[in-house]
Amino acid sequence: MEHIDLRSDTVTSPSPGMRQAMAAAPVGDDQYGEDPSVNRLQERIADLLGKQSALFVPSGTMANQIGLKILTRPGDEVVVGEEAHVVWHESGAAAANSGVQFAVVGRGGLFTASDLRAAYKPPGHIVFPPTTLAAVENTHNRGGGVVFPQQDAVAVCATARELGLASYLDGARLFNAAAATGRPLTELAAPFDLVAVALSKGLGCPVGSLIAGGTDEIARARRARRMFGGAMRQSGILAAAGLFALEHNLERLVEDHANARLLADRLAGLRGVSLDLATVQSNIVIFQMTEDGPDAATIVARAQEAGVLLSAFGVRTVRAVTHLDVTRDQCRRAADLLAAVIEHR
């Protein structure tokens, strides 16, 4: 049985055109700054985000860890939204690599400048750890792909500057946020000191993220990348996939969003399902199974038997993610199959 894979937008395979671009990529040793494909990609991303410089890294988690490393010191506190990726999905790396702790604020991954101000702890306190960084995730994975409101992002970063904090944007799905809002990437990135974006999610690349910011910050990020084992050599083969994706896969992101909405509309209102349609703003659908129905593991197992792959995000939390390797017809069929699975008692 061929499954409709909605576990993540990271499961995509490079298209034939992307593979051709990778095969034909001019390469050099990136450790000497001599890989022309990597250099082009870094320049392109820096330009798209309105930053001075950018650095290609193997993964979004490494991008986040580099951001924490260069913007904090051991013992510092970082303010984040509820269920942030950097807290939930990075194997405790922030504690191991940078020695920081988190203050979680807001709800559903969103928070305001007032939340930041209330959580802030000044330097030099005899008991409290100093707050030195505010980190925003946009779109927010565990929040259901919700877009962080831009007016709140601007206010959070302004408050951070006022308080002497740095600001970091985990924009692994920032391309989705731009597609969902119609706002340019430069506007979404502008308030933040450092911004990360992923190529291996909605854009369909096999590998890679970038972190962008000021020239001095990216010079420090380059050293941190080396410390974390992320320095690469002829990585233009991978960078070429990103360059191809930026030319061919940006505008089609709205199709993934429409497919996610189709799926959500079919599931919302089913007995045993709790799904807030207001959170379905991009390509992620997260729903809860109520106490009177099967748990998430049961739904995921039954869905797999029916031909649909999902992720269990908690005891009663299920996630589905649309992407360029699933068509609208497949999403419609997956929605019907999932509805049948959920309604089966």
Foldseek 3Di string as FASTA:
>chain_A
DAFAEFAALLPFDFDPVLLVLLVPQQFFFVVVPPGVLQQVLFVVVCVQQVADTKHKWWDLLLLVLLVLQLQDAAQAEEEWEPPACNPPPNVCCCCVPHNYYYDYDDPLREDALVRVVVPADPPPDPPHHHHAEYEGEALGASSFNAGHDLVRVLRNLVSCVVRNHAYEYSPQPVLQNCLLPVDGSNSSNVSHQKYKYFCSGQLPANTIIMMGHYPVSVVSSVVSCVVVVGRDTRCSSRSSSSVVSVVPRSNCQVQLLVLQLLLQVLPPPQPQKDFDSVRSRGFKGKIFGDPVFQAQVQLQVQLVVLRYHWDRPDRGMTMGGGHDVAHSVNSNVSSVSSSVSRNPD
